[in-house]
Amino acid sequence: MKYWRISNWSYSAQRIFIICAFSIIPLALLFTFAYLPVINMFKYSFTDWNGYSKRFDYVGFDNYTRIFSDSEYFKVFIVSLYYFVATFVQMGLALYFATILSFKIRGKNFFKGILFFPYLLNGVAIGFIFLFFFKPDGTLDTLMQAVGLGQYTQLWLGNPNIINVSLAGASVWRYMGFNFIIFLGAISSIPKDVYEASDIDGANRWQQFRHIILPSITRILQLNLILAISGAISAFDIPYIMTDGSNGSMTFVIQTVHLAFKYGKLGLASAMAVVLLLIVILVTLVQRVSMKGEE
């Protein structure tokens, strides 16, 4: 009996040692490349560090005050509103197509592939595609002239009043497939018996959507809303490739990148990154609290 206890303890110790041995390297890498940079980012946000000097001058909350008081930096929040509104258009279209393609229609697998394909493309490639699409006498202008709307053609990327609408439209085209596939998966998980019972009761497609589909995917809608808010604030690749933030299209992340690597204001850029992180955390907490309240 004593030998069995010693043997059992030896096995447990050996198991713990193996687990620790295999975990220490991933944990070290995680801390080095994830947590440590975040800690340093918080530290740099209270300085005026230029990114390469060994001197750190602590300025307190001056960087944060500058972000919310200087119109040059605060206006990027206004640009984010275009992408935020676009996400509702994107979610609406994704939910519409996901609902239609969840029913029995001819060629639905073909249309699923078409709708999801843009999300598989690289952001740089999409940026160059829409550069050609929006350029003068490009694809959009040609299509508008073909249908008799040539008098409404404009400088889609040169007019500060509509440039963000154009860029947000490109984002809708790219990311709609992601929301579409999530909605489609959620709708497909609804038991078919529920639809059959509603057909017997004489419910039409709109009533099935309103009373069966929509209540069943409420959690997915909330999740996509959180992702939409985060995505609107952190929009980067498409506006960066297409305009580099010119003509009033500067987004929060592009402004941060420019401050850090173009103007050498890494302290201020770190403060903007911290603000972005806090906004995402706050939105996530609000979403979790609201979901618990519903439960």
Protein backbone atom coordinates (compact mmCIF):
# COMPACT_ATOMS: atom_id res chain seq x y z
CA MET A 1 0.00 0.00 0.00
CA LYS A 2 2.84 2.36 0.86
CA TYR A 3 4.63 1.50 -2.37
CA TRP A 4 1.44 2.24 -4.33
CA ARG A 5 1.14 5.69 -2.72
CA ILE A 6 4.77 6.51 -3.50
CA SER A 7 4.35 5.29 -7.05
CA ASN A 8 1.14 7.30 -7.47
CA TRP A 9 2.81 10.45 -6.09
CA SER A 10 5.76 9.91 -8.42
CA TYR A 11 3.40 9.59 -11.39
CA SER A 12 1.55 12.80 -10.43
CA ALA A 13 4.81 14.72 -9.99
CA GLN A 14 6.09 13.43 -13.29
CA ARG A 15 2.86 14.46 -15.00
CA ILE A 16 3.02 17.98 -13.52
CA PHE A 17 6.65 18.28 -14.59
CA ILE A 18 5.82 17.25 -18.18
CA ILE A 19 2.91 19.70 -18.35
CA CYS A 20 5.09 22.54 -17.04
CA ALA A 21 7.95 21.63 -19.37
CA PHE A 22 5.72 21.73 -22.42
CA SER A 23 3.88 24.88 -21.29
CA ILE A 24 6.78 27.08 -20.28
CA ILE A 25 7.93 27.83 -23.84
CA PRO A 26 4.45 28.81 -25.19
CA LEU A 27 3.82 30.90 -22.06
CA ALA A 28 7.18 32.61 -22.42
CA LEU A 29 6.48 33.40 -26.07
CA LEU A 30 2.98 34.63 -25.20
CA PHE A 31 4.31 36.95 -22.50
CA THR A 32 7.21 38.19 -24.67
CA PHE A 33 5.23 38.95 -27.83
CA ALA A 34 1.76 39.73 -26.43
CA TYR A 35 1.65 40.90 -22.82
CA LEU A 36 5.03 42.61 -22.61
CA PRO A 37 4.36 44.90 -25.63
CA VAL A 38 1.01 45.88 -24.12
CA ILE A 39 2.69 46.74 -20.82
CA ASN A 40 5.30 48.81 -22.65
CA MET A 41 2.56 50.49 -24.67
CA PHE A 42 0.90 51.71 -21.48
CA LYS A 43 4.27 52.97 -20.24
CA TYR A 44 5.09 54.79 -23.50
CA SER A 45 1.64 56.45 -23.56
CA PHE A 46 2.68 58.62 -20.61
CA THR A 47 5.87 59.83 -22.32
CA ASP A 48 6.91 61.89 -25.35
CA TRP A 49 9.23 59.12 -26.59
CA ASN A 50 10.16 59.38 -30.27
CA GLY A 51 10.80 55.67 -30.76
CA TYR A 52 14.57 55.55 -30.78
CA SER A 53 15.91 57.90 -28.10
CA LYS A 54 17.07 56.45 -24.79
CA ARG A 55 15.50 59.37 -22.96
CA PHE A 56 11.95 59.13 -21.65
CA ASP A 57 10.26 62.37 -20.61
CA TYR A 58 7.08 61.57 -18.69
CA VAL A 59 4.26 63.94 -19.57
CA GLY A 60 1.46 62.41 -17.51
CA PHE A 61 -1.95 62.47 -19.17
CA ASP A 62 -0.99 65.14 -21.73
CA ASN A 63 -1.16 62.66 -24.62
CA TYR A 64 -4.67 61.54 -23.67
CA THR A 65 -5.82 65.13 -23.22
CA ARG A 66 -4.44 66.00 -26.64
CA ILE A 67 -6.32 63.13 -28.30
CA PHE A 68 -9.73 64.34 -27.09
CA SER A 69 -9.09 68.10 -27.25
CA ASP A 70 -7.15 68.56 -30.51
CA SER A 71 -9.46 68.48 -33.52
CA GLU A 72 -6.66 67.07 -35.67
CA TYR A 73 -6.75 63.84 -33.68
CA PHE A 74 -10.37 63.81 -32.52
CA LYS A 75 -11.80 63.97 -36.05
CA VAL A 76 -10.73 60.37 -36.70
CA PHE A 77 -13.62 59.34 -34.44
CA ILE A 78 -15.98 61.08 -36.85
CA VAL A 79 -14.51 59.13 -39.77
CA SER A 80 -15.19 55.93 -37.82
CA LEU A 81 -18.90 56.78 -37.87
CA TYR A 82 -18.99 56.13 -41.64
CA TYR A 83 -17.69 52.61 -41.11
CA PHE A 84 -20.02 52.13 -38.14
CA VAL A 85 -23.08 53.00 -40.25
CA ALA A 86 -21.73 50.83 -43.07
CA THR A 87 -21.60 47.84 -40.74
CA PHE A 88 -25.36 48.03 -40.23
CA VAL A 89 -25.84 48.03 -44.00
CA GLN A 90 -23.43 45.12 -44.20
CA MET A 91 -25.22 43.17 -41.46
CA GLY A 92 -28.60 43.88 -43.00
CA LEU A 93 -27.52 42.58 -46.41
CA ALA A 94 -25.79 39.57 -44.85
CA LEU A 95 -28.89 38.67 -42.83
CA TYR A 96 -31.12 39.13 -45.88
CA PHE A 97 -29.07 36.82 -48.10
CA ALA A 98 -28.52 34.30 -45.29
CA THR A 99 -32.28 34.10 -44.71
CA ILE A 100 -33.07 33.63 -48.39
CA LEU A 101 -30.37 31.02 -48.94
CA SER A 102 -31.44 29.07 -45.86
CA PHE A 103 -34.58 28.04 -47.72
CA LYS A 104 -34.75 25.72 -50.70
CA ILE A 105 -33.89 27.72 -53.81
CA ARG A 106 -32.16 26.74 -57.02
CA GLY A 107 -28.40 27.29 -57.16
CA LYS A 108 -28.05 28.40 -53.53
CA ASN A 109 -24.60 26.80 -53.16
CA PHE A 110 -23.40 28.88 -56.12
CA PHE A 111 -24.67 32.09 -54.54
CA LYS A 112 -23.16 31.15 -51.19
CA GLY A 113 -19.76 30.93 -52.85
CA ILE A 114 -20.20 34.28 -54.60
CA LEU A 115 -21.17 36.06 -51.39
CA PHE A 116 -18.38 34.56 -49.29
CA PHE A 117 -15.61 34.86 -51.90
CA PRO A 118 -14.72 38.57 -51.26
CA TYR A 119 -13.85 37.78 -47.65
CA LEU A 120 -11.21 35.31 -48.85
CA LEU A 121 -9.36 37.97 -50.84
CA ASN A 122 -6.38 39.81 -49.45
CA GLY A 123 -7.05 43.35 -48.24
CA VAL A 124 -4.28 44.77 -50.43
CA ALA A 125 -5.77 43.14 -53.53
CA ILE A 126 -9.20 44.52 -52.67
CA GLY A 127 -7.72 47.98 -52.22
CA PHE A 128 -6.21 47.94 -55.71
CA ILE A 129 -9.44 46.50 -57.17
CA PHE A 130 -11.47 49.39 -55.80
CA LEU A 131 -8.85 51.92 -56.80
CA PHE A 132 -9.57 50.92 -60.38
CA PHE A 133 -13.31 50.74 -59.63
CA PHE A 134 -13.53 54.31 -58.30
CA LYS A 135 -10.96 56.05 -60.51
CA PRO A 136 -12.18 58.62 -63.11
CA ASP A 137 -13.62 56.82 -66.14
CA GLY A 138 -13.17 53.58 -64.22
CA THR A 139 -15.61 50.74 -63.72
CA LEU A 140 -18.18 52.67 -61.67
CA ASP A 141 -18.22 55.67 -64.00
CA THR A 142 -18.54 53.38 -67.02
CA LEU A 143 -21.48 51.52 -65.48
CA MET A 144 -23.23 54.78 -64.56
CA GLN A 145 -22.79 56.12 -68.09
CA ALA A 146 -24.14 52.86 -69.51
CA VAL A 147 -27.41 53.18 -67.54
CA GLY A 148 -27.80 56.91 -68.28
CA LEU A 149 -26.47 58.29 -64.98
CA GLY A 150 -23.27 59.76 -66.37
CA GLN A 151 -24.10 63.25 -65.08
CA TYR A 152 -23.79 61.99 -61.51
CA THR A 153 -20.22 60.72 -61.83
CA GLN A 154 -17.79 62.34 -59.41
CA LEU A 155 -14.29 62.08 -58.05
CA TRP A 156 -15.20 59.27 -55.70
CA LEU A 157 -11.82 59.31 -53.96
CA GLY A 158 -11.03 62.98 -54.55
CA ASN A 159 -14.11 64.60 -53.03
CA PRO A 160 -13.76 64.91 -49.22
CA ASN A 161 -17.56 64.86 -48.88
CA ILE A 162 -17.98 61.37 -50.34
CA ILE A 163 -14.59 59.71 -50.02
CA ASN A 164 -15.48 57.99 -46.74
CA VAL A 165 -18.76 56.77 -48.20
CA SER A 166 -16.81 55.17 -51.05
CA LEU A 167 -14.30 53.54 -48.71
CA ALA A 168 -17.03 52.32 -46.37
CA GLY A 169 -18.83 50.83 -49.38
CA ALA A 170 -15.70 48.88 -50.28
CA SER A 171 -15.57 47.57 -46.70
CA VAL A 172 -19.19 46.45 -46.96
CA TRP A 173 -18.36 44.43 -50.08
CA ARG A 174 -15.37 42.80 -48.43
CA TYR A 175 -16.74 41.90 -44.99
CA MET A 176 -20.36 41.06 -45.80
CA GLY A 177 -19.34 37.47 -46.58
CA PHE A 178 -18.05 37.00 -43.04
CA ASN A 179 -21.33 38.09 -41.44
CA PHE A 180 -23.25 36.14 -44.07
CA ILE A 181 -21.58 32.83 -43.24
CA ILE A 182 -22.09 33.38 -39.49
CA PHE A 183 -25.78 34.19 -39.95
CA LEU A 184 -26.22 31.27 -42.31
CA GLY A 185 -24.69 28.86 -39.81
CA ALA A 186 -26.92 30.17 -37.02
CA ILE A 187 -30.06 29.94 -39.14
CA SER A 188 -29.15 26.45 -40.34
CA SER A 189 -29.00 25.26 -36.72
CA ILE A 190 -32.73 25.93 -36.24
CA PRO A 191 -34.61 22.59 -36.25
CA LYS A 192 -36.60 21.93 -39.41
CA ASP A 193 -39.55 20.78 -37.32
CA VAL A 194 -40.14 24.38 -36.29
CA TYR A 195 -40.47 25.45 -39.94
CA GLU A 196 -42.76 22.52 -40.69
CA ALA A 197 -45.01 23.43 -37.76
CA SER A 198 -45.17 27.05 -38.93
CA ASP A 199 -46.05 25.92 -42.46
CA ILE A 200 -48.94 23.92 -41.05
CA ASP A 201 -50.12 27.02 -39.18
CA GLY A 202 -49.99 28.98 -42.45
CA ALA A 203 -47.03 31.24 -41.68
CA ASN A 204 -45.38 32.97 -44.63
CA ARG A 205 -41.65 33.63 -45.05
CA TRP A 206 -41.78 37.03 -43.37
CA GLN A 207 -43.59 35.60 -40.34
CA GLN A 208 -41.08 32.75 -40.15
CA PHE A 209 -38.25 35.28 -40.21
CA ARG A 210 -39.83 37.52 -37.59
CA HIS A 211 -41.01 34.89 -35.11
CA ILE A 212 -38.57 32.00 -35.67
CA ILE A 213 -35.29 33.12 -37.24
CA LEU A 214 -34.79 36.51 -35.59
CA PRO A 215 -35.36 35.36 -31.98
CA SER A 216 -33.13 32.32 -32.56
CA ILE A 217 -30.10 34.32 -33.70
CA THR A 218 -30.27 37.18 -31.19
CA ARG A 219 -26.95 36.20 -29.63
CA ILE A 220 -25.26 36.08 -33.03
CA LEU A 221 -26.63 39.54 -33.84
CA GLN A 222 -25.19 40.88 -30.59
CA LEU A 223 -21.82 39.28 -31.32
CA ASN A 224 -21.71 40.76 -34.82
CA LEU A 225 -22.66 44.15 -33.40
CA ILE A 226 -19.64 44.05 -31.07
CA LEU A 227 -17.40 43.04 -33.96
CA ALA A 228 -18.93 45.83 -36.04
CA ILE A 229 -18.13 48.50 -33.45
CA SER A 230 -14.59 47.21 -33.03
CA GLY A 231 -14.11 46.96 -36.79
CA ALA A 232 -15.42 50.49 -37.39
CA ILE A 233 -12.89 51.97 -34.99
CA SER A 234 -9.99 49.81 -36.21
CA ALA A 235 -10.56 50.20 -39.98
CA PHE A 236 -7.16 50.21 -41.63
CA ASP A 237 -6.21 48.13 -44.67
CA ILE A 238 -8.66 49.38 -47.32
CA PRO A 239 -8.38 53.16 -46.55
CA TYR A 240 -4.62 52.81 -46.06
CA ILE A 241 -4.09 51.13 -49.44
CA MET A 242 -6.52 53.32 -51.34
CA THR A 243 -5.91 56.80 -49.90
CA ASP A 244 -3.37 56.56 -47.07
CA GLY A 245 -5.73 58.75 -45.04
CA SER A 246 -5.75 61.69 -47.45
CA ASN A 247 -8.72 63.94 -48.30
CA GLY A 248 -10.30 63.50 -44.88
CA SER A 249 -10.22 59.68 -44.85
CA MET A 250 -7.80 59.35 -41.94
CA THR A 251 -8.93 56.55 -39.63
CA PHE A 252 -7.95 55.89 -36.03
CA VAL A 253 -5.41 53.18 -36.85
CA ILE A 254 -3.90 55.03 -39.82
CA GLN A 255 -3.44 58.09 -37.63
CA THR A 256 -1.74 55.93 -35.01
CA VAL A 257 0.62 54.37 -37.55
CA HIS A 258 1.53 57.75 -39.03
CA LEU A 259 2.22 59.25 -35.61
CA ALA A 260 4.45 56.34 -34.61
CA PHE A 261 6.44 55.62 -37.76
CA LYS A 262 6.11 58.76 -39.89
CA TYR A 263 6.32 61.58 -37.36
CA GLY A 264 8.19 59.81 -34.55
CA LYS A 265 5.52 60.53 -31.92
CA LEU A 266 5.44 57.07 -30.44
CA GLY A 267 4.25 58.28 -27.05
CA LEU A 268 1.15 59.90 -28.55
CA ALA A 269 0.61 56.90 -30.83
CA SER A 270 0.78 54.58 -27.83
CA ALA A 271 -1.87 56.67 -26.09
CA MET A 272 -4.15 56.33 -29.13
CA ALA A 273 -3.57 52.57 -29.13
CA VAL A 274 -4.49 52.43 -25.43
CA VAL A 275 -7.68 54.39 -26.12
CA LEU A 276 -8.58 51.94 -28.89
CA LEU A 277 -7.94 48.99 -26.57
CA LEU A 278 -10.06 50.51 -23.80
CA ILE A 279 -12.94 51.20 -26.21
CA VAL A 280 -12.93 47.59 -27.39
CA ILE A 281 -12.83 46.31 -23.79
CA LEU A 282 -15.65 48.68 -22.77
CA VAL A 283 -17.86 47.61 -25.67
CA THR A 284 -17.23 43.94 -24.87
CA LEU A 285 -18.11 44.45 -21.20
CA VAL A 286 -21.31 46.27 -22.11
CA GLN A 287 -22.26 43.43 -24.42
CA ARG A 288 -21.61 40.79 -21.76
CA VAL A 289 -23.59 42.72 -19.12
CA SER A 290 -26.53 43.14 -21.51
CA MET A 291 -26.51 39.43 -22.33
CA LYS A 292 -26.49 38.51 -18.62
CA GLY A 293 -29.35 40.93 -18.05
CA GLU A 294 -31.41 39.19 -20.72
CA GLU A 295 -30.72 35.82 -19.12
